[in-house]
Amino acid sequence: MASTLRLIRGGLYEPAEKTAPPSVADVRREAARRLRERGYEWQRVRSLGLGVRMPQEMRDLKLRISYVVDALLAAREIPEHFRDDAYWPV
């Protein structure tokens, strides 16, 4: 985690560095991270390699996360806090 440094002049707060607004790539990386944490990629490879059907819960999770990505990218502006769990399926 990066710490934020503040420059204080006469009691006024100015952020040390302005961050760029979230991009499409940021949203896609967050979706991939969430799928990876749940083990989706392992299940997918297992399904392809062994011919074992992927669990329905994993397929549903992939669809729900894809829907969130589409909804976030369709918004006028991607929210700054798009990584919050409130946007993503549990």
PDB file of N, CA and C in Angstrom:
ATOM      1  N   MET A   1       0.829  -1.176   0.000  1.00  0.00           N
ATOM      2  CA  MET A   1       0.000   0.000   0.000  1.00  0.00           C
ATOM      3  C   MET A   1       0.878   1.245   0.000  1.00  0.00           C
ATOM      4  N   ALA A   2       0.540   2.135  -0.864  1.00  0.00           N
ATOM      5  CA  ALA A   2       1.288   3.381  -0.942  1.00  0.00           C
ATOM      6  C   ALA A   2       0.720   4.363   0.070  1.00  0.00           C
ATOM      7  N   SER A   3       1.600   5.005   0.780  1.00  0.00           N
ATOM      8  CA  SER A   3       1.136   6.015   1.720  1.00  0.00           C
ATOM      9  C   SER A   3       0.977   7.330   0.976  1.00  0.00           C
ATOM     10  N   THR A   4       0.057   8.126   1.453  1.00  0.00           N
ATOM     11  CA  THR A   4      -0.135   9.427   0.823  1.00  0.00           C
ATOM     12  C   THR A   4       0.551  10.477   1.680  1.00  0.00           C
ATOM     13  N   LEU A   5       1.363  11.269   1.039  1.00  0.00           N
ATOM     14  CA  LEU A   5       2.058  12.343   1.720  1.00  0.00           C
ATOM     15  C   LEU A   5       1.273  13.632   1.535  1.00  0.00           C
ATOM     16  N   ARG A   6       1.298  14.469   2.557  1.00  0.00           N
ATOM     17  CA  ARG A   6       0.576  15.725   2.479  1.00  0.00           C
ATOM     18  C   ARG A   6       1.547  16.892   2.581  1.00  0.00           C
ATOM     19  N   LEU A   7       1.247  17.898   1.851  1.00  0.00           N
ATOM     20  CA  LEU A   7       2.016  19.129   1.930  1.00  0.00           C
ATOM     21  C   LEU A   7       1.109  20.156   2.601  1.00  0.00           C
ATOM     22  N   ILE A   8       1.521  20.631   3.738  1.00  0.00           N
ATOM     23  CA  ILE A   8       0.683  21.544   4.514  1.00  0.00           C
ATOM     24  C   ILE A   8       1.262  22.951   4.433  1.00  0.00           C
ATOM     25  N   ARG A   9       0.436  23.873   3.972  1.00  0.00           N
ATOM     26  CA  ARG A   9       0.816  25.289   3.903  1.00  0.00           C
ATOM     27  C   ARG A   9      -0.296  26.096   4.550  1.00  0.00           C
ATOM     28  N   GLY A  10      -0.004  26.658   5.673  1.00  0.00           N
ATOM     29  CA  GLY A  10      -0.995  27.501   6.327  1.00  0.00           C
ATOM     30  C   GLY A  10      -2.280  26.776   6.656  1.00  0.00           C
ATOM     31  N   GLY A  11      -2.199  25.474   6.934  1.00  0.00           N
ATOM     32  CA  GLY A  11      -3.381  24.705   7.302  1.00  0.00           C
ATOM     33  C   GLY A  11      -4.159  24.165   6.116  1.00  0.00           C
ATOM     34  N   LEU A  12      -3.713  24.437   4.900  1.00  0.00           N
ATOM     35  CA  LEU A  12      -4.414  23.922   3.728  1.00  0.00           C
ATOM     36  C   LEU A  12      -3.807  22.588   3.314  1.00  0.00           C
ATOM     37  N   TYR A  13      -4.634  21.663   2.974  1.00  0.00           N
ATOM     38  CA  TYR A  13      -4.179  20.328   2.570  1.00  0.00           C
ATOM     39  C   TYR A  13      -4.158  20.235   1.053  1.00  0.00           C
ATOM     40  N   GLU A  14      -3.049  19.794   0.529  1.00  0.00           N
ATOM     41  CA  GLU A  14      -2.931  19.539  -0.904  1.00  0.00           C
ATOM     42  C   GLU A  14      -2.396  18.129  -1.091  1.00  0.00           C
ATOM     43  N   PRO A  15      -3.070  17.305  -1.876  1.00  0.00           N
ATOM     44  CA  PRO A  15      -2.532  15.969  -2.102  1.00  0.00           C
ATOM     45  C   PRO A  15      -1.164  16.059  -2.774  1.00  0.00           C
ATOM     46  N   ALA A  16      -0.261  15.186  -2.375  1.00  0.00           N
ATOM     47  CA  ALA A  16       1.089  15.208  -2.931  1.00  0.00           C
ATOM     48  C   ALA A  16       1.087  14.801  -4.399  1.00  0.00           C
ATOM     49  N   GLU A  17       0.141  13.975  -4.761  1.00  0.00           N
ATOM     50  CA  GLU A  17       0.142  13.435  -6.114  1.00  0.00           C
ATOM     51  C   GLU A  17      -1.303  13.171  -6.539  1.00  0.00           C
ATOM     52  N   LYS A  18      -1.668  13.558  -7.716  1.00  0.00           N
ATOM     53  CA  LYS A  18      -3.019  13.285  -8.207  1.00  0.00           C
ATOM     54  C   LYS A  18      -2.995  11.974  -8.974  1.00  0.00           C
ATOM     55  N   THR A  19      -3.980  11.138  -8.692  1.00  0.00           N
ATOM     56  CA  THR A  19      -4.036   9.847  -9.363  1.00  0.00           C
ATOM     57  C   THR A  19      -4.924   9.950 -10.595  1.00  0.00           C
ATOM     58  N   ALA A  20      -4.608   9.151 -11.562  1.00  0.00           N
ATOM     59  CA  ALA A  20      -5.395   9.132 -12.788  1.00  0.00           C
ATOM     60  C   ALA A  20      -6.727   8.433 -12.519  1.00  0.00           C
ATOM     61  N   PRO A  21      -7.774   8.804 -13.236  1.00  0.00           N
ATOM     62  CA  PRO A  21      -9.054   8.117 -13.048  1.00  0.00           C
ATOM     63  C   PRO A  21      -8.921   6.646 -13.453  1.00  0.00           C
ATOM     64  N   PRO A  22      -9.768   5.786 -12.902  1.00  0.00           N
ATOM     65  CA  PRO A  22      -9.687   4.362 -13.240  1.00  0.00           C
ATOM     66  C   PRO A  22      -9.906   4.144 -14.732  1.00  0.00           C
ATOM     67  N   SER A  23      -9.212   3.163 -15.260  1.00  0.00           N
ATOM     68  CA  SER A  23      -9.317   2.863 -16.690  1.00  0.00           C
ATOM     69  C   SER A  23     -10.018   1.532 -16.902  1.00  0.00           C
ATOM     70  N   VAL A  24     -10.282   1.235 -18.149  1.00  0.00           N
ATOM     71  CA  VAL A  24     -10.890  -0.038 -18.525  1.00  0.00           C
ATOM     72  C   VAL A  24      -9.982  -1.183 -18.084  1.00  0.00           C
ATOM     73  N   ALA A  25      -8.681  -1.018 -18.259  1.00  0.00           N
ATOM     74  CA  ALA A  25      -7.734  -2.060 -17.870  1.00  0.00           C
ATOM     75  C   ALA A  25      -7.768  -2.303 -16.364  1.00  0.00           C
ATOM     76  N   ASP A  26      -7.973  -1.251 -15.567  1.00  0.00           N
ATOM     77  CA  ASP A  26      -8.061  -1.415 -14.116  1.00  0.00           C
ATOM     78  C   ASP A  26      -9.252  -2.285 -13.729  1.00  0.00           C
ATOM     79  N   VAL A  27     -10.385  -2.053 -14.366  1.00  0.00           N
ATOM     80  CA  VAL A  27     -11.589  -2.839 -14.075  1.00  0.00           C
ATOM     81  C   VAL A  27     -11.372  -4.291 -14.479  1.00  0.00           C
ATOM     82  N   ARG A  28     -10.785  -4.507 -15.641  1.00  0.00           N
ATOM     83  CA  ARG A  28     -10.543  -5.885 -16.093  1.00  0.00           C
ATOM     84  C   ARG A  28      -9.533  -6.605 -15.189  1.00  0.00           C
ATOM     85  N   ARG A  29      -8.530  -5.891 -14.699  1.00  0.00           N
ATOM     86  CA  ARG A  29      -7.561  -6.499 -13.773  1.00  0.00           C
ATOM     87  C   ARG A  29      -8.231  -6.887 -12.458  1.00  0.00           C
ATOM     88  N   GLU A  30      -9.129  -6.033 -11.978  1.00  0.00           N
ATOM     89  CA  GLU A  30      -9.834  -6.348 -10.732  1.00  0.00           C
ATOM     90  C   GLU A  30     -10.724  -7.575 -10.916  1.00  0.00           C
ATOM     91  N   ALA A  31     -11.380  -7.680 -12.060  1.00  0.00           N
ATOM     92  CA  ALA A  31     -12.212  -8.858 -12.328  1.00  0.00           C
ATOM     93  C   ALA A  31     -11.348 -10.118 -12.389  1.00  0.00           C
ATOM     94  N   ALA A  32     -10.219 -10.040 -13.055  1.00  0.00           N
ATOM     95  CA  ALA A  32      -9.320 -11.196 -13.148  1.00  0.00           C
ATOM     96  C   ALA A  32      -8.792 -11.586 -11.772  1.00  0.00           C
ATOM     97  N   ARG A  33      -8.485 -10.597 -10.952  1.00  0.00           N
ATOM     98  CA  ARG A  33      -7.996 -10.878  -9.595  1.00  0.00           C
ATOM     99  C   ARG A  33      -9.056 -11.620  -8.779  1.00  0.00           C
ATOM    100  N   ARG A  34     -10.282 -11.158  -8.877  1.00  0.00           N
ATOM    101  CA  ARG A  34     -11.362 -11.796  -8.123  1.00  0.00           C
ATOM    102  C   ARG A  34     -11.613 -13.221  -8.604  1.00  0.00           C
ATOM    103  N   LEU A  35     -11.554 -13.439  -9.899  1.00  0.00           N
ATOM    104  CA  LEU A  35     -11.722 -14.798 -10.420  1.00  0.00           C
ATOM    105  C   LEU A  35     -10.568 -15.696  -9.988  1.00  0.00           C
ATOM    106  N   ARG A  36      -9.374 -15.164 -10.023  1.00  0.00           N
ATOM    107  CA  ARG A  36      -8.189 -15.932  -9.626  1.00  0.00           C
ATOM    108  C   ARG A  36      -8.265 -16.320  -8.151  1.00  0.00           C
ATOM    109  N   GLU A  37      -8.703 -15.392  -7.301  1.00  0.00           N
ATOM    110  CA  GLU A  37      -8.825 -15.678  -5.875  1.00  0.00           C
ATOM    111  C   GLU A  37      -9.828 -16.790  -5.599  1.00  0.00           C
ATOM    112  N   ARG A  38     -10.859 -16.887  -6.407  1.00  0.00           N
ATOM    113  CA  ARG A  38     -11.888 -17.913  -6.219  1.00  0.00           C
ATOM    114  C   ARG A  38     -11.525 -19.249  -6.844  1.00  0.00           C
ATOM    115  N   GLY A  39     -10.422 -19.299  -7.601  1.00  0.00           N
ATOM    116  CA  GLY A  39     -10.000 -20.564  -8.190  1.00  0.00           C
ATOM    117  C   GLY A  39     -10.631 -20.867  -9.530  1.00  0.00           C
ATOM    118  N   TYR A  40     -11.146 -19.854 -10.192  1.00  0.00           N
ATOM    119  CA  TYR A  40     -11.808 -20.075 -11.475  1.00  0.00           C
ATOM    120  C   TYR A  40     -10.846 -20.628 -12.523  1.00  0.00           C
ATOM    121  N   GLU A  41      -9.670 -20.051 -12.608  1.00  0.00           N
ATOM    122  CA  GLU A  41      -8.721 -20.464 -13.649  1.00  0.00           C
ATOM    123  C   GLU A  41      -8.310 -21.919 -13.466  1.00  0.00           C
ATOM    124  N   TRP A  42      -8.092 -22.328 -12.218  1.00  0.00           N
ATOM    125  CA  TRP A  42      -7.742 -23.725 -11.941  1.00  0.00           C
ATOM    126  C   TRP A  42      -8.871 -24.652 -12.378  1.00  0.00           C
ATOM    127  N   GLN A  43     -10.098 -24.285 -12.071  1.00  0.00           N
ATOM    128  CA  GLN A  43     -11.257 -25.096 -12.473  1.00  0.00           C
ATOM    129  C   GLN A  43     -11.377 -25.154 -13.996  1.00  0.00           C
ATOM    130  N   ARG A  44     -11.094 -24.048 -14.646  1.00  0.00           N
ATOM    131  CA  ARG A  44     -11.175 -23.999 -16.106  1.00  0.00           C
ATOM    132  C   ARG A  44     -10.143 -24.921 -16.744  1.00  0.00           C
ATOM    133  N   VAL A  45      -8.898 -24.853 -16.265  1.00  0.00           N
ATOM    134  CA  VAL A  45      -7.837 -25.700 -16.795  1.00  0.00           C
ATOM    135  C   VAL A  45      -8.147 -27.168 -16.518  1.00  0.00           C
ATOM    136  N   ARG A  46      -8.641 -27.446 -15.325  1.00  0.00           N
ATOM    137  CA  ARG A  46      -9.018 -28.815 -14.962  1.00  0.00           C
ATOM    138  C   ARG A  46     -10.109 -29.330 -15.893  1.00  0.00           C
ATOM    139  N   SER A  47     -11.068 -28.474 -16.178  1.00  0.00           N
ATOM    140  CA  SER A  47     -12.167 -28.848 -17.066  1.00  0.00           C
ATOM    141  C   SER A  47     -11.660 -29.156 -18.474  1.00  0.00           C
ATOM    142  N   LEU A  48     -10.762 -28.300 -18.962  1.00  0.00           N
ATOM    143  CA  LEU A  48     -10.227 -28.506 -20.311  1.00  0.00           C
ATOM    144  C   LEU A  48      -9.303 -29.720 -20.377  1.00  0.00           C
ATOM    145  N   GLY A  49      -8.486 -29.913 -19.343  1.00  0.00           N
ATOM    146  CA  GLY A  49      -7.501 -30.991 -19.364  1.00  0.00           C
ATOM    147  C   GLY A  49      -8.083 -32.368 -19.106  1.00  0.00           C
ATOM    148  N   LEU A  50      -9.014 -32.435 -18.159  1.00  0.00           N
ATOM    149  CA  LEU A  50      -9.549 -33.737 -17.774  1.00  0.00           C
ATOM    150  C   LEU A  50     -10.919 -34.030 -18.353  1.00  0.00           C
ATOM    151  N   GLY A  51     -11.529 -33.028 -18.920  1.00  0.00           N
ATOM    152  CA  GLY A  51     -12.865 -33.224 -19.462  1.00  0.00           C
ATOM    153  C   GLY A  51     -13.930 -33.262 -18.383  1.00  0.00           C
ATOM    154  N   VAL A  52     -13.573 -32.808 -17.187  1.00  0.00           N
ATOM    155  CA  VAL A  52     -14.519 -32.771 -16.071  1.00  0.00           C
ATOM    156  C   VAL A  52     -15.303 -31.472 -16.173  1.00  0.00           C
ATOM    157  N   ARG A  53     -16.600 -31.564 -16.001  1.00  0.00           N
ATOM    158  CA  ARG A  53     -17.440 -30.380 -16.101  1.00  0.00           C
ATOM    159  C   ARG A  53     -17.141 -29.410 -14.951  1.00  0.00           C
ATOM    160  N   MET A  54     -17.027 -28.135 -15.286  1.00  0.00           N
ATOM    161  CA  MET A  54     -16.782 -27.102 -14.286  1.00  0.00           C
ATOM    162  C   MET A  54     -18.020 -26.966 -13.402  1.00  0.00           C
ATOM    163  N   PRO A  55     -17.833 -26.796 -12.088  1.00  0.00           N
ATOM    164  CA  PRO A  55     -18.992 -26.628 -11.204  1.00  0.00           C
ATOM    165  C   PRO A  55     -19.866 -25.446 -11.630  1.00  0.00           C
ATOM    166  N   GLN A  56     -21.144 -25.613 -11.467  1.00  0.00           N
ATOM    167  CA  GLN A  56     -22.108 -24.577 -11.852  1.00  0.00           C
ATOM    168  C   GLN A  56     -21.845 -23.273 -11.109  1.00  0.00           C
ATOM    169  N   GLU A  57     -21.415 -23.361  -9.847  1.00  0.00           N
ATOM    170  CA  GLU A  57     -21.141 -22.145  -9.069  1.00  0.00           C
ATOM    171  C   GLU A  57     -20.039 -21.306  -9.721  1.00  0.00           C
ATOM    172  N   MET A  58     -19.021 -21.981 -10.264  1.00  0.00           N
ATOM    173  CA  MET A  58     -17.921 -21.264 -10.919  1.00  0.00           C
ATOM    174  C   MET A  58     -18.398 -20.607 -12.215  1.00  0.00           C
ATOM    175  N   ARG A  59     -19.209 -21.316 -12.965  1.00  0.00           N
ATOM    176  CA  ARG A  59     -19.728 -20.732 -14.207  1.00  0.00           C
ATOM    177  C   ARG A  59     -20.615 -19.534 -13.906  1.00  0.00           C
ATOM    178  N   ASP A  60     -21.433 -19.661 -12.854  1.00  0.00           N
ATOM    179  CA  ASP A  60     -22.288 -18.543 -12.460  1.00  0.00           C
ATOM    180  C   ASP A  60     -21.460 -17.348 -11.991  1.00  0.00           C
ATOM    181  N   LEU A  61     -20.401 -17.626 -11.231  1.00  0.00           N
ATOM    182  CA  LEU A  61     -19.527 -16.552 -10.762  1.00  0.00           C
ATOM    183  C   LEU A  61     -18.910 -15.802 -11.935  1.00  0.00           C
ATOM    184  N   LYS A  62     -18.440 -16.527 -12.918  1.00  0.00           N
ATOM    185  CA  LYS A  62     -17.845 -15.909 -14.109  1.00  0.00           C
ATOM    186  C   LYS A  62     -18.862 -15.006 -14.814  1.00  0.00           C
ATOM    187  N   LEU A  63     -20.093 -15.483 -14.943  1.00  0.00           N
ATOM    188  CA  LEU A  63     -21.137 -14.677 -15.589  1.00  0.00           C
ATOM    189  C   LEU A  63     -21.451 -13.420 -14.783  1.00  0.00           C
ATOM    190  N   ARG A  64     -21.543 -13.556 -13.466  1.00  0.00           N
ATOM    191  CA  ARG A  64     -21.865 -12.402 -12.632  1.00  0.00           C
ATOM    192  C   ARG A  64     -20.748 -11.377 -12.655  1.00  0.00           C
ATOM    193  N   ILE A  65     -19.503 -11.825 -12.622  1.00  0.00           N
ATOM    194  CA  ILE A  65     -18.379 -10.879 -12.679  1.00  0.00           C
ATOM    195  C   ILE A  65     -18.311 -10.214 -14.049  1.00  0.00           C
ATOM    196  N   SER A  66     -18.586 -10.958 -15.104  1.00  0.00           N
ATOM    197  CA  SER A  66     -18.616 -10.372 -16.446  1.00  0.00           C
ATOM    198  C   SER A  66     -19.699  -9.298 -16.550  1.00  0.00           C
ATOM    199  N   TYR A  67     -20.833  -9.547 -15.904  1.00  0.00           N
ATOM    200  CA  TYR A  67     -21.918  -8.570 -15.904  1.00  0.00           C
ATOM    201  C   TYR A  67     -21.479  -7.288 -15.192  1.00  0.00           C
ATOM    202  N   VAL A  68     -20.792  -7.424 -14.054  1.00  0.00           N
ATOM    203  CA  VAL A  68     -20.319  -6.253 -13.313  1.00  0.00           C
ATOM    204  C   VAL A  68     -19.335  -5.453 -14.163  1.00  0.00           C
ATOM    205  N   VAL A  69     -18.422  -6.149 -14.838  1.00  0.00           N
ATOM    206  CA  VAL A  69     -17.451  -5.463 -15.703  1.00  0.00           C
ATOM    207  C   VAL A  69     -18.189  -4.681 -16.789  1.00  0.00           C
ATOM    208  N   ASP A  70     -19.155  -5.312 -17.444  1.00  0.00           N
ATOM    209  CA  ASP A  70     -19.914  -4.631 -18.487  1.00  0.00           C
ATOM    210  C   ASP A  70     -20.659  -3.417 -17.940  1.00  0.00           C
ATOM    211  N   ALA A  71     -21.247  -3.561 -16.751  1.00  0.00           N
ATOM    212  CA  ALA A  71     -21.998  -2.450 -16.153  1.00  0.00           C
ATOM    213  C   ALA A  71     -21.067  -1.296 -15.778  1.00  0.00           C
ATOM    214  N   LEU A  72     -19.910  -1.609 -15.208  1.00  0.00           N
ATOM    215  CA  LEU A  72     -18.974  -0.546 -14.841  1.00  0.00           C
ATOM    216  C   LEU A  72     -18.435   0.177 -16.072  1.00  0.00           C
ATOM    217  N   LEU A  73     -18.172  -0.575 -17.129  1.00  0.00           N
ATOM    218  CA  LEU A  73     -17.631   0.052 -18.337  1.00  0.00           C
ATOM    219  C   LEU A  73     -18.696   0.823 -19.114  1.00  0.00           C
ATOM    220  N   ALA A  74     -19.958   0.479 -18.906  1.00  0.00           N
ATOM    221  CA  ALA A  74     -21.040   1.188 -19.589  1.00  0.00           C
ATOM    222  C   ALA A  74     -21.389   2.498 -18.887  1.00  0.00           C
ATOM    223  N   ALA A  75     -20.947   2.654 -17.654  1.00  0.00           N
ATOM    224  CA  ALA A  75     -21.242   3.873 -16.904  1.00  0.00           C
ATOM    225  C   ALA A  75     -20.536   5.064 -17.556  1.00  0.00           C
ATOM    226  N   ARG A  76     -21.078   6.236 -17.321  1.00  0.00           N
ATOM    227  CA  ARG A  76     -20.487   7.455 -17.882  1.00  0.00           C
ATOM    228  C   ARG A  76     -19.044   7.618 -17.416  1.00  0.00           C
ATOM    229  N   GLU A  77     -18.832   7.413 -16.117  1.00  0.00           N
ATOM    230  CA  GLU A  77     -17.490   7.440 -15.541  1.00  0.00           C
ATOM    231  C   GLU A  77     -17.348   6.232 -14.632  1.00  0.00           C
ATOM    232  N   ILE A  78     -16.191   5.607 -14.651  1.00  0.00           N
ATOM    233  CA  ILE A  78     -15.939   4.486 -13.756  1.00  0.00           C
ATOM    234  C   ILE A  78     -15.738   5.074 -12.354  1.00  0.00           C
ATOM    235  N   PRO A  79     -16.485   4.562 -11.361  1.00  0.00           N
ATOM    236  CA  PRO A  79     -16.343   5.113 -10.011  1.00  0.00           C
ATOM    237  C   PRO A  79     -14.925   4.918  -9.473  1.00  0.00           C
ATOM    238  N   GLU A  80     -14.464   5.884  -8.690  1.00  0.00           N
ATOM    239  CA  GLU A  80     -13.120   5.811  -8.103  1.00  0.00           C
ATOM    240  C   GLU A  80     -12.975   4.587  -7.195  1.00  0.00           C
ATOM    241  N   HIS A  81     -14.065   4.211  -6.537  1.00  0.00           N
ATOM    242  CA  HIS A  81     -14.027   3.108  -5.580  1.00  0.00           C
ATOM    243  C   HIS A  81     -14.620   1.826  -6.185  1.00  0.00           C
ATOM    244  N   PHE A  82     -14.349   1.570  -7.458  1.00  0.00           N
ATOM    245  CA  PHE A  82     -14.917   0.407  -8.139  1.00  0.00           C
ATOM    246  C   PHE A  82     -14.416  -0.917  -7.564  1.00  0.00           C
ATOM    247  N   ARG A  83     -13.351  -0.887  -6.783  1.00  0.00           N
ATOM    248  CA  ARG A  83     -12.820  -2.122  -6.188  1.00  0.00           C
ATOM    249  C   ARG A  83     -13.592  -2.557  -4.947  1.00  0.00           C
ATOM    250  N   ASP A  84     -14.480  -1.728  -4.440  1.00  0.00           N
ATOM    251  CA  ASP A  84     -15.252  -2.061  -3.252  1.00  0.00           C
ATOM    252  C   ASP A  84     -16.099  -3.309  -3.490  1.00  0.00           C
ATOM    253  N   ASP A  85     -16.270  -4.086  -2.441  1.00  0.00           N
ATOM    254  CA  ASP A  85     -17.055  -5.312  -2.547  1.00  0.00           C
ATOM    255  C   ASP A  85     -18.520  -5.050  -2.870  1.00  0.00           C
ATOM    256  N   ALA A  86     -18.979  -3.837  -2.672  1.00  0.00           N
ATOM    257  CA  ALA A  86     -20.373  -3.511  -2.953  1.00  0.00           C
ATOM    258  C   ALA A  86     -20.713  -3.692  -4.440  1.00  0.00           C
ATOM    259  N   TYR A  87     -19.739  -3.546  -5.317  1.00  0.00           N
ATOM    260  CA  TYR A  87     -19.972  -3.675  -6.741  1.00  0.00           C
ATOM    261  C   TYR A  87     -19.878  -5.134  -7.235  1.00  0.00           C
ATOM    262  N   TRP A  88     -19.158  -5.957  -6.513  1.00  0.00           N
ATOM    263  CA  TRP A  88     -18.809  -7.285  -7.000  1.00  0.00           C
ATOM    264  C   TRP A  88     -19.591  -8.368  -6.280  1.00  0.00           C
ATOM    265  N   PRO A  89     -19.857  -9.491  -6.965  1.00  0.00           N
ATOM    266  CA  PRO A  89     -20.564 -10.598  -6.299  1.00  0.00           C
ATOM    267  C   PRO A  89     -19.719 -11.222  -5.199  1.00  0.00           C
ATOM    268  N   VAL A  90     -20.397 -11.666  -4.191  1.00  0.00           N
ATOM    269  CA  VAL A  90     -19.692 -12.275  -3.051  1.00  0.00           C
ATOM    270  C   VAL A  90     -19.537 -13.763  -3.259  1.00  0.00           C
TER     271      VAL A  90
END
